[in-house]
Amino acid sequence: MDLRLAGQGALVTGSSSGIGATIAGMLADEGCDVLVHGRSAGAAAAVAEQVAARGVRAEVVLGDLTEPGVAEQVALTARDFGARILVNNAGPFAEHDWESSRPADWRAAFEGNVLPTVRVSQTLLPSLRAHGWGRVITIGSRAVRTPLPNMVAYSAAKAAVVNMTTSLARHLAGTGVTANCVSPGVIVTPSLSRMFEQRTGGDEAPAEAPEGGREGGRDEAEIVAEYAPNPSGRLGRPEDIAAAVAYLASPLADYVNGIELRVDGGITGTP
C-alpha cells in the first residue's frame, strides 16, 4: 500500500537503535527523508547510512534531550531539515517499585519521558502549523493501562504522555496537524534482552528471532505464557510498532486524531 509519504521529512528521536531505528527505516521505505537522532555519533551514523540506502535523504542530529536547551536545538534542526512528522520515541525506562523508588527516580522518569516530548513538540509546532499539515506521534507503553509493579515511575510518566497527546490534539484543532500515541506491548529489542539478562543471568533473555522461533534458548511461547500472556500468542517486534507509526504519519490517517493506539497483542484487554 502506498501511504503517500514520499517526499515528507521526519524527525525520529531516539532512533539510533531499537524501535526508533526500525521506525526510521520504515518511514524511509515509504519515501520519507529522515533525521536520525541519538546520543552516540557512531550508532546514529550507522542508522542514517541504512536509511540513506533506501534512496532518501538522511541526516543525523545528536544530543541528550534531558540536557538544558538540547531538545529545543534538536527541534530547530528538524525544522531546518523540513520535518513535518515528529516521532517522539526517546524515553528511558528503569525498574523501581513502590518500596525502592525515591524522588530522584520519579524525577528521572518524567525528565526523560515527558519533558523532552514537551520541549521538542513545542519548538517544532510553529513550523508545522505554518505549513498547515503535520504529525506528532508519541510512543507510549502498555504500562499506561496496566501499570507495571516493577516500573511504577516509568508507568506514570508514560500515562502522562498519553494525556498530553489528547490535550495536544485538541489544542491543534483545525490546524491540519494531528497528535496521536502508539503504545507498544512487550517488544523484542536489545534493551528488553538486557533486562531479561539482568533478571535471569542470561538464561532466559529474549533475542531477536523469527516469529514463532526460540528466544535465547527457550521457546517463545513459554516466555509469552510466563511474562507477557496475550491473545496474539507472541512477543512484539519493532516492525509492529513502526507499521503503526507509518500509518498514523500518513495522509491516510487524517481523520485519526488524539488516540492511543495500543499495539500490544491484546495484553491490556479492552477499555
C-alpha atoms as a PDB file:
ATOM      1  CA  MET A   1       0.000   0.000   0.000  1.00  0.00           C
ATOM      2  CA  ASP A   2       1.230   3.478  -0.853  1.00  0.00           C
ATOM      3  CA  LEU A   3       0.993   5.566   2.326  1.00  0.00           C
ATOM      4  CA  ARG A   4       1.563   8.780   0.329  1.00  0.00           C
ATOM      5  CA  LEU A   5       4.556   9.785   2.395  1.00  0.00           C
ATOM      6  CA  ALA A   6       7.102  10.233  -0.391  1.00  0.00           C
ATOM      7  CA  GLY A   7       8.983  13.493  -0.020  1.00  0.00           C
ATOM      8  CA  GLN A   8       7.927  14.174   3.553  1.00  0.00           C
ATOM      9  CA  GLY A   9      10.528  14.845   6.238  1.00  0.00           C
ATOM     10  CA  ALA A  10      10.561  13.193   9.657  1.00  0.00           C
ATOM     11  CA  LEU A  11      12.432  13.504  12.932  1.00  0.00           C
ATOM     12  CA  VAL A  12      12.510  10.320  14.986  1.00  0.00           C
ATOM     13  CA  THR A  13      14.000  10.920  18.424  1.00  0.00           C
ATOM     14  CA  GLY A  14      15.933   8.072  19.945  1.00  0.00           C
ATOM     15  CA  SER A  15      16.348   6.436  16.551  1.00  0.00           C
ATOM     16  CA  SER A  16      19.948   5.284  16.790  1.00  0.00           C
ATOM     17  CA  SER A  17      18.800   1.807  17.915  1.00  0.00           C
ATOM     18  CA  GLY A  18      15.814  -0.383  18.762  1.00  0.00           C
ATOM     19  CA  ILE A  19      12.274   0.613  17.922  1.00  0.00           C
ATOM     20  CA  GLY A  20      13.324   4.104  16.852  1.00  0.00           C
ATOM     21  CA  ALA A  21      15.762   2.788  14.264  1.00  0.00           C
ATOM     22  CA  THR A  22      13.084   0.493  12.850  1.00  0.00           C
ATOM     23  CA  ILE A  23      10.614   3.385  12.659  1.00  0.00           C
ATOM     24  CA  ALA A  24      13.211   5.448  10.807  1.00  0.00           C
ATOM     25  CA  GLY A  25      13.767   2.623   8.346  1.00  0.00           C
ATOM     26  CA  MET A  26      10.093   2.029   7.669  1.00  0.00           C
ATOM     27  CA  LEU A  27       9.414   5.735   7.107  1.00  0.00           C
ATOM     28  CA  ALA A  28      12.338   5.730   4.675  1.00  0.00           C
ATOM     29  CA  ASP A  29      10.830   2.724   2.887  1.00  0.00           C
ATOM     30  CA  GLU A  30       7.724   4.889   2.376  1.00  0.00           C
ATOM     31  CA  GLY A  31       9.838   7.661   0.832  1.00  0.00           C
ATOM     32  CA  CYS A  32      10.373   9.914   3.851  1.00  0.00           C
ATOM     33  CA  ASP A  33      13.567  11.837   4.382  1.00  0.00           C
ATOM     34  CA  VAL A  34      14.648  11.071   7.953  1.00  0.00           C
ATOM     35  CA  LEU A  35      16.556  12.992  10.586  1.00  0.00           C
ATOM     36  CA  VAL A  36      18.087  10.349  12.855  1.00  0.00           C
ATOM     37  CA  HIS A  37      18.566  11.365  16.480  1.00  0.00           C
ATOM     38  CA  GLY A  38      20.667   9.765  19.180  1.00  0.00           C
ATOM     39  CA  ARG A  39      23.412  10.320  21.692  1.00  0.00           C
ATOM     40  CA  SER A  40      26.051   8.100  20.089  1.00  0.00           C
ATOM     41  CA  ALA A  41      27.533   9.524  16.901  1.00  0.00           C
ATOM     42  CA  GLY A  42      28.596   6.112  15.650  1.00  0.00           C
ATOM     43  CA  ALA A  43      25.248   4.412  16.246  1.00  0.00           C
ATOM     44  CA  ALA A  44      23.265   7.288  14.737  1.00  0.00           C
ATOM     45  CA  ALA A  45      25.526   7.429  11.690  1.00  0.00           C
ATOM     46  CA  ALA A  46      25.083   3.686  11.118  1.00  0.00           C
ATOM     47  CA  VAL A  47      21.283   4.023  11.144  1.00  0.00           C
ATOM     48  CA  ALA A  48      21.441   7.078   8.872  1.00  0.00           C
ATOM     49  CA  GLU A  49      23.544   5.077   6.412  1.00  0.00           C
ATOM     50  CA  GLN A  50      20.927   2.329   6.377  1.00  0.00           C
ATOM     51  CA  VAL A  51      18.169   4.906   5.885  1.00  0.00           C
ATOM     52  CA  ALA A  52      20.002   6.610   3.028  1.00  0.00           C
ATOM     53  CA  ALA A  53      20.414   3.240   1.316  1.00  0.00           C
ATOM     54  CA  ARG A  54      16.640   3.337   0.743  1.00  0.00           C
ATOM     55  CA  GLY A  55      17.192   6.245  -1.630  1.00  0.00           C
ATOM     56  CA  VAL A  56      16.083   9.071   0.664  1.00  0.00           C
ATOM     57  CA  ARG A  57      17.876  11.914   2.409  1.00  0.00           C
ATOM     58  CA  ALA A  58      19.196  11.058   5.851  1.00  0.00           C
ATOM     59  CA  GLU A  59      20.970  13.275   8.352  1.00  0.00           C
ATOM     60  CA  VAL A  60      21.997  12.969  11.991  1.00  0.00           C
ATOM     61  CA  VAL A  61      21.345  15.206  14.980  1.00  0.00           C
ATOM     62  CA  LEU A  62      22.927  14.379  18.319  1.00  0.00           C
ATOM     63  CA  GLY A  63      22.154  15.302  21.882  1.00  0.00           C
ATOM     64  CA  ASP A  64      20.829  14.233  25.273  1.00  0.00           C
ATOM     65  CA  LEU A  65      17.271  15.579  25.303  1.00  0.00           C
ATOM     66  CA  THR A  66      17.312  15.884  29.090  1.00  0.00           C
ATOM     67  CA  GLU A  67      20.106  18.465  28.997  1.00  0.00           C
ATOM     68  CA  PRO A  68      19.131  22.178  29.042  1.00  0.00           C
ATOM     69  CA  GLY A  69      18.453  23.566  25.582  1.00  0.00           C
ATOM     70  CA  VAL A  70      19.239  20.347  23.697  1.00  0.00           C
ATOM     71  CA  ALA A  71      15.643  19.336  22.927  1.00  0.00           C
ATOM     72  CA  GLU A  72      14.944  22.792  21.518  1.00  0.00           C
ATOM     73  CA  GLN A  73      18.072  22.696  19.368  1.00  0.00           C
ATOM     74  CA  VAL A  74      17.189  19.249  18.027  1.00  0.00           C
ATOM     75  CA  ALA A  75      13.724  20.547  17.111  1.00  0.00           C
ATOM     76  CA  LEU A  76      15.177  23.592  15.342  1.00  0.00           C
ATOM     77  CA  THR A  77      17.453  21.299  13.360  1.00  0.00           C
ATOM     78  CA  ALA A  78      14.374  19.286  12.405  1.00  0.00           C
ATOM     79  CA  ARG A  79      12.600  22.455  11.308  1.00  0.00           C
ATOM     80  CA  ASP A  80      15.510  23.361   9.044  1.00  0.00           C
ATOM     81  CA  PHE A  81      15.589  19.778   7.754  1.00  0.00           C
ATOM     82  CA  GLY A  82      11.973  20.201   6.661  1.00  0.00           C
ATOM     83  CA  ALA A  83      10.435  17.741   9.096  1.00  0.00           C
ATOM     84  CA  ARG A  84       6.633  17.700   9.070  1.00  0.00           C
ATOM     85  CA  ILE A  85       6.473  14.447  11.012  1.00  0.00           C
ATOM     86  CA  LEU A  86       7.699  14.257  14.592  1.00  0.00           C
ATOM     87  CA  VAL A  87       8.021  10.888  16.282  1.00  0.00           C
ATOM     88  CA  ASN A  88       8.732  11.338  19.994  1.00  0.00           C
ATOM     89  CA  ASN A  89      10.314   7.960  20.638  1.00  0.00           C
ATOM     90  CA  ALA A  90      13.159   8.760  23.037  1.00  0.00           C
ATOM     91  CA  GLY A  91      12.453   7.797  26.631  1.00  0.00           C
ATOM     92  CA  PRO A  92      14.394   5.733  29.185  1.00  0.00           C
ATOM     93  CA  PHE A  93      12.956   3.095  31.475  1.00  0.00           C
ATOM     94  CA  ALA A  94      14.204   1.824  34.801  1.00  0.00           C
ATOM     95  CA  GLU A  95      12.927  -0.742  37.274  1.00  0.00           C
ATOM     96  CA  HIS A  96      11.661   0.672  40.573  1.00  0.00           C
ATOM     97  CA  ASP A  97       8.769  -0.459  42.733  1.00  0.00           C
ATOM     98  CA  TRP A  98       6.893   1.473  45.419  1.00  0.00           C
ATOM     99  CA  GLU A  99       9.291   0.284  48.112  1.00  0.00           C
ATOM    100  CA  SER A 100      12.529   1.044  46.305  1.00  0.00           C
ATOM    101  CA  SER A 101      11.664   4.172  44.302  1.00  0.00           C
ATOM    102  CA  ARG A 102      12.931   7.519  45.510  1.00  0.00           C
ATOM    103  CA  PRO A 103      12.021  11.075  44.450  1.00  0.00           C
ATOM    104  CA  ALA A 104      15.059  11.135  42.172  1.00  0.00           C
ATOM    105  CA  ASP A 105      13.753   8.062  40.322  1.00  0.00           C
ATOM    106  CA  TRP A 106      10.379   9.700  39.698  1.00  0.00           C
ATOM    107  CA  ARG A 107      12.083  12.887  38.610  1.00  0.00           C
ATOM    108  CA  ALA A 108      14.300  10.989  36.166  1.00  0.00           C
ATOM    109  CA  ALA A 109      11.293   9.158  34.681  1.00  0.00           C
ATOM    110  CA  PHE A 110       9.442  12.400  33.990  1.00  0.00           C
ATOM    111  CA  GLU A 111      12.528  14.309  32.867  1.00  0.00           C
ATOM    112  CA  GLY A 112      13.370  11.505  30.452  1.00  0.00           C
ATOM    113  CA  ASN A 113       9.911  10.703  29.053  1.00  0.00           C
ATOM    114  CA  VAL A 114       7.691  13.756  29.496  1.00  0.00           C
ATOM    115  CA  LEU A 115       9.745  16.937  29.330  1.00  0.00           C
ATOM    116  CA  PRO A 116      11.701  16.112  26.136  1.00  0.00           C
ATOM    117  CA  THR A 117       8.398  15.338  24.399  1.00  0.00           C
ATOM    118  CA  VAL A 118       7.033  18.704  25.511  1.00  0.00           C
ATOM    119  CA  ARG A 119      10.128  20.665  24.534  1.00  0.00           C
ATOM    120  CA  VAL A 120      10.665  19.123  21.109  1.00  0.00           C
ATOM    121  CA  SER A 121       6.962  19.377  20.262  1.00  0.00           C
ATOM    122  CA  GLN A 122       6.578  22.972  21.442  1.00  0.00           C
ATOM    123  CA  THR A 123       9.586  24.097  19.439  1.00  0.00           C
ATOM    124  CA  LEU A 124       8.615  22.358  16.201  1.00  0.00           C
ATOM    125  CA  LEU A 125       4.875  23.103  16.313  1.00  0.00           C
ATOM    126  CA  PRO A 126       5.010  26.657  14.911  1.00  0.00           C
ATOM    127  CA  SER A 127       6.611  25.285  11.735  1.00  0.00           C
ATOM    128  CA  LEU A 128       4.008  22.535  11.397  1.00  0.00           C
ATOM    129  CA  ARG A 129       1.145  24.952  11.932  1.00  0.00           C
ATOM    130  CA  ALA A 130       2.553  27.402   9.419  1.00  0.00           C
ATOM    131  CA  HIS A 131       2.784  24.609   6.870  1.00  0.00           C
ATOM    132  CA  GLY A 132      -0.823  23.586   7.517  1.00  0.00           C
ATOM    133  CA  TRP A 133      -0.043  19.888   7.844  1.00  0.00           C
ATOM    134  CA  GLY A 134       1.923  17.777  10.257  1.00  0.00           C
ATOM    135  CA  ARG A 135       2.065  14.816  12.562  1.00  0.00           C
ATOM    136  CA  VAL A 136       3.100  14.480  16.192  1.00  0.00           C
ATOM    137  CA  ILE A 137       3.331  10.809  17.154  1.00  0.00           C
ATOM    138  CA  THR A 138       4.487   9.850  20.621  1.00  0.00           C
ATOM    139  CA  ILE A 139       5.483   6.403  21.802  1.00  0.00           C
ATOM    140  CA  GLY A 140       3.684   5.335  24.976  1.00  0.00           C
ATOM    141  CA  SER A 141       3.626   1.923  26.633  1.00  0.00           C
ATOM    142  CA  ARG A 142       1.273  -0.862  27.633  1.00  0.00           C
ATOM    143  CA  ALA A 143       2.100   0.329  31.175  1.00  0.00           C
ATOM    144  CA  VAL A 144      -0.247   3.257  30.550  1.00  0.00           C
ATOM    145  CA  ARG A 145      -3.276   0.990  31.059  1.00  0.00           C
ATOM    146  CA  THR A 146      -1.722  -1.680  33.242  1.00  0.00           C
ATOM    147  CA  PRO A 147       0.948  -0.048  35.434  1.00  0.00           C
ATOM    148  CA  LEU A 148       3.911  -2.329  35.895  1.00  0.00           C
ATOM    149  CA  PRO A 149       4.627  -3.005  39.587  1.00  0.00           C
ATOM    150  CA  ASN A 150       8.375  -3.059  38.921  1.00  0.00           C
ATOM    151  CA  MET A 151       8.299   0.169  36.863  1.00  0.00           C
ATOM    152  CA  VAL A 152       5.996   2.468  38.774  1.00  0.00           C
ATOM    153  CA  ALA A 153       7.668   5.771  37.871  1.00  0.00           C
ATOM    154  CA  TYR A 154       8.016   4.838  34.206  1.00  0.00           C
ATOM    155  CA  SER A 155       4.381   3.729  34.054  1.00  0.00           C
ATOM    156  CA  ALA A 156       3.195   7.042  35.486  1.00  0.00           C
ATOM    157  CA  ALA A 157       5.383   9.042  33.103  1.00  0.00           C
ATOM    158  CA  LYS A 158       4.037   7.180  30.082  1.00  0.00           C
ATOM    159  CA  ALA A 159       0.474   7.760  31.292  1.00  0.00           C
ATOM    160  CA  ALA A 160       1.264  11.471  31.300  1.00  0.00           C
ATOM    161  CA  VAL A 161       2.462  11.179  27.702  1.00  0.00           C
ATOM    162  CA  VAL A 162      -0.917   9.788  26.600  1.00  0.00           C
ATOM    163  CA  ASN A 163      -2.769  12.509  28.493  1.00  0.00           C
ATOM    164  CA  MET A 164      -0.580  15.137  26.820  1.00  0.00           C
ATOM    165  CA  THR A 165      -1.319  13.659  23.403  1.00  0.00           C
ATOM    166  CA  THR A 166      -5.069  14.066  23.863  1.00  0.00           C
ATOM    167  CA  SER A 167      -4.558  17.612  25.100  1.00  0.00           C
ATOM    168  CA  LEU A 168      -2.306  18.480  22.172  1.00  0.00           C
ATOM    169  CA  ALA A 169      -4.755  17.114  19.604  1.00  0.00           C
ATOM    170  CA  ARG A 170      -7.455  19.408  20.964  1.00  0.00           C
ATOM    171  CA  HIS A 171      -5.061  22.351  21.064  1.00  0.00           C
ATOM    172  CA  LEU A 172      -4.217  21.813  17.383  1.00  0.00           C
ATOM    173  CA  ALA A 173      -7.839  21.591  16.233  1.00  0.00           C
ATOM    174  CA  GLY A 174      -8.285  22.974  12.743  1.00  0.00           C
ATOM    175  CA  THR A 175      -4.568  23.369  12.007  1.00  0.00           C
ATOM    176  CA  GLY A 176      -4.041  20.259   9.863  1.00  0.00           C
ATOM    177  CA  VAL A 177      -1.648  18.884  12.477  1.00  0.00           C
ATOM    178  CA  THR A 178      -2.686  15.736  14.330  1.00  0.00           C
ATOM    179  CA  ALA A 179      -1.357  14.216  17.539  1.00  0.00           C
ATOM    180  CA  ASN A 180      -1.534  10.519  18.342  1.00  0.00           C
ATOM    181  CA  CYS A 181       0.170   7.990  20.579  1.00  0.00           C
ATOM    182  CA  VAL A 182       1.310   4.421  19.874  1.00  0.00           C
ATOM    183  CA  SER A 183       1.611   2.223  22.978  1.00  0.00           C
ATOM    184  CA  PRO A 184       3.764  -0.883  22.472  1.00  0.00           C
ATOM    185  CA  GLY A 185       3.389  -4.113  24.355  1.00  0.00           C
ATOM    186  CA  VAL A 186       6.367  -6.350  25.070  1.00  0.00           C
ATOM    187  CA  ILE A 187       8.685  -5.780  22.124  1.00  0.00           C
ATOM    188  CA  VAL A 188      11.824  -7.799  21.462  1.00  0.00           C
ATOM    189  CA  THR A 189      14.636  -5.240  21.470  1.00  0.00           C
ATOM    190  CA  PRO A 190      18.233  -5.211  22.749  1.00  0.00           C
ATOM    191  CA  SER A 191      17.096  -3.248  25.825  1.00  0.00           C
ATOM    192  CA  LEU A 192      14.473  -5.901  26.651  1.00  0.00           C
ATOM    193  CA  SER A 193      17.088  -8.611  26.246  1.00  0.00           C
ATOM    194  CA  ARG A 194      19.410  -6.788  28.643  1.00  0.00           C
ATOM    195  CA  MET A 195      16.614  -6.535  31.201  1.00  0.00           C
ATOM    196  CA  PHE A 196      15.977 -10.287  30.998  1.00  0.00           C
ATOM    197  CA  GLU A 197      19.696 -10.993  31.311  1.00  0.00           C
ATOM    198  CA  GLN A 198      19.877  -8.927  34.490  1.00  0.00           C
ATOM    199  CA  ARG A 199      16.940 -10.838  35.950  1.00  0.00           C
ATOM    200  CA  THR A 200      17.950 -14.343  34.945  1.00  0.00           C
ATOM    201  CA  GLY A 201      21.673 -14.273  34.416  1.00  0.00           C
ATOM    202  CA  GLY A 202      21.207 -14.621  30.670  1.00  0.00           C
ATOM    203  CA  ASP A 203      19.435 -17.977  30.632  1.00  0.00           C
ATOM    204  CA  GLU A 204      16.058 -16.640  29.510  1.00  0.00           C
ATOM    205  CA  ALA A 205      16.926 -13.457  27.648  1.00  0.00           C
ATOM    206  CA  PRO A 206      14.757 -12.959  24.542  1.00  0.00           C
ATOM    207  CA  ALA A 207      16.776 -12.361  21.413  1.00  0.00           C
ATOM    208  CA  GLU A 208      15.572 -11.016  18.112  1.00  0.00           C
ATOM    209  CA  ALA A 209      14.378 -14.142  16.322  1.00  0.00           C
ATOM    210  CA  PRO A 210      11.854 -15.125  13.656  1.00  0.00           C
ATOM    211  CA  GLU A 211       8.238 -15.177  14.762  1.00  0.00           C
ATOM    212  CA  GLY A 212       7.417 -18.437  16.490  1.00  0.00           C
ATOM    213  CA  GLY A 213      11.105 -19.297  16.948  1.00  0.00           C
ATOM    214  CA  ARG A 214      13.167 -19.835  20.044  1.00  0.00           C
ATOM    215  CA  GLU A 215      14.175 -16.852  22.183  1.00  0.00           C
ATOM    216  CA  GLY A 216      17.545 -17.153  23.907  1.00  0.00           C
ATOM    217  CA  GLY A 217      17.272 -20.937  24.160  1.00  0.00           C
ATOM    218  CA  ARG A 218      13.610 -21.029  25.254  1.00  0.00           C
ATOM    219  CA  ASP A 219      10.527 -21.393  23.114  1.00  0.00           C
ATOM    220  CA  GLU A 220       8.890 -18.027  22.574  1.00  0.00           C
ATOM    221  CA  ALA A 221       5.514 -19.419  23.617  1.00  0.00           C
ATOM    222  CA  GLU A 222       6.945 -20.289  27.029  1.00  0.00           C
ATOM    223  CA  ILE A 223       8.190 -16.756  27.597  1.00  0.00           C
ATOM    224  CA  VAL A 224       4.887 -15.303  26.419  1.00  0.00           C
ATOM    225  CA  ALA A 225       2.916 -17.504  28.787  1.00  0.00           C
ATOM    226  CA  GLU A 226       5.151 -16.652  31.742  1.00  0.00           C
ATOM    227  CA  TYR A 227       5.959 -12.987  31.176  1.00  0.00           C
ATOM    228  CA  ALA A 228       3.502 -11.488  28.703  1.00  0.00           C
ATOM    229  CA  PRO A 229       0.357 -13.585  28.127  1.00  0.00           C
ATOM    230  CA  ASN A 230      -1.649 -12.101  25.286  1.00  0.00           C
ATOM    231  CA  PRO A 231      -4.264 -13.272  22.770  1.00  0.00           C
ATOM    232  CA  SER A 232      -1.836 -12.986  19.854  1.00  0.00           C
ATOM    233  CA  GLY A 233       0.423 -15.556  21.485  1.00  0.00           C
ATOM    234  CA  ARG A 234       3.746 -13.956  20.672  1.00  0.00           C
ATOM    235  CA  LEU A 235       6.107 -11.140  21.593  1.00  0.00           C
ATOM    236  CA  GLY A 236       6.032  -7.962  19.566  1.00  0.00           C
ATOM    237  CA  ARG A 237       8.633  -6.924  17.021  1.00  0.00           C
ATOM    238  CA  PRO A 238       9.872  -3.378  16.335  1.00  0.00           C
ATOM    239  CA  GLU A 239       8.266  -3.672  12.901  1.00  0.00           C
ATOM    240  CA  ASP A 240       4.843  -3.936  14.554  1.00  0.00           C
ATOM    241  CA  ILE A 241       5.323  -0.513  16.122  1.00  0.00           C
ATOM    242  CA  ALA A 242       6.912   1.017  13.051  1.00  0.00           C
ATOM    243  CA  ALA A 243       3.962  -0.022  10.869  1.00  0.00           C
ATOM    244  CA  ALA A 244       1.507   1.690  13.234  1.00  0.00           C
ATOM    245  CA  VAL A 245       3.627   4.844  13.282  1.00  0.00           C
ATOM    246  CA  ALA A 246       3.914   4.907   9.491  1.00  0.00           C
ATOM    247  CA  TYR A 247       0.142   4.697   9.127  1.00  0.00           C
ATOM    248  CA  LEU A 248      -0.516   7.483  11.636  1.00  0.00           C
ATOM    249  CA  ALA A 249       2.130   9.605   9.924  1.00  0.00           C
ATOM    250  CA  SER A 250       0.430   9.252   6.567  1.00  0.00           C
ATOM    251  CA  PRO A 251      -2.316  11.314   4.936  1.00  0.00           C
ATOM    252  CA  LEU A 252      -4.446   8.166   5.129  1.00  0.00           C
ATOM    253  CA  ALA A 253      -4.786   8.890   8.868  1.00  0.00           C
ATOM    254  CA  ASP A 254      -6.051  12.468   8.500  1.00  0.00           C
ATOM    255  CA  TYR A 255      -9.211  11.578  10.442  1.00  0.00           C
ATOM    256  CA  VAL A 256      -7.360   9.794  13.246  1.00  0.00           C
ATOM    257  CA  ASN A 257      -6.581  12.276  15.986  1.00  0.00           C
ATOM    258  CA  GLY A 258      -5.985  12.261  19.731  1.00  0.00           C
ATOM    259  CA  ILE A 259      -5.926   8.485  20.100  1.00  0.00           C
ATOM    260  CA  GLU A 260      -3.790   5.944  21.913  1.00  0.00           C
ATOM    261  CA  LEU A 261      -3.223   3.053  19.511  1.00  0.00           C
ATOM    262  CA  ARG A 262      -2.271   0.002  21.541  1.00  0.00           C
ATOM    263  CA  VAL A 263      -0.008  -2.360  19.629  1.00  0.00           C
ATOM    264  CA  ASP A 264       0.388  -4.971  22.319  1.00  0.00           C
ATOM    265  CA  GLY A 265      -1.094  -8.246  21.094  1.00  0.00           C
ATOM    266  CA  GLY A 266      -4.160  -7.578  23.256  1.00  0.00           C
ATOM    267  CA  ILE A 267      -2.231  -7.831  26.537  1.00  0.00           C
ATOM    268  CA  THR A 268      -4.087  -4.888  28.094  1.00  0.00           C
ATOM    269  CA  GLY A 269      -7.541  -6.159  27.142  1.00  0.00           C
ATOM    270  CA  THR A 270     -10.460  -3.922  26.225  1.00  0.00           C
ATOM    271  CA  PRO A 271     -11.035  -0.424  27.688  1.00  0.00           C
END
